Amino acid sequence: MDRPATAVRFEEATGVIDAFYADGGRCLYHKGGEPFLWYDDSHSMEDIVLYARQKGYYAVIIYTNATKKLESSADTLFESVDGPADIYDHLRGKSFDRIITNIATSDHPSIYISKIWGASKNDPWPGKVVL
């Protein structure tokens, strides 16, 4: 994807991580926009996850829209789904099928899905934990 680098540099991000750790933070949550789109030169979100883990954080959690493949060493990935395909695509753009595929094909051991509609026999995530 060709786009300008983020306004938050790697050194700034690690500085915030260091400060939060010094203040007693031990669980780090990444959210806002799509964290997996973040990069700075040769650094990606995975570098942030690895840095936090090396720092000593107990857990690193990423809130994602799952439009990118779910490949991360973060402890947990959270995805929120705003309804079945027609509603989701209306609210977020035509991406429901892509997120379903990314969730279903991910080998990540800890994906939590918050879905905002009742369970049905057509549940697209059999065997996945759904909150």
Foldseek 3Di string as FASTA:
>chain_A
DDDDADPQAPVNLVVVLVVCVVVPAQEAEDDDDAQQVHDHVPGGVQNVQVSNVVVHRPFYEYEHCQLDAPDHPGLAYEHEAEAPQVVRCVVPNNRVVSSLVSVQPDPRPHYEYEYDDDDDPVDSDPPHHYD
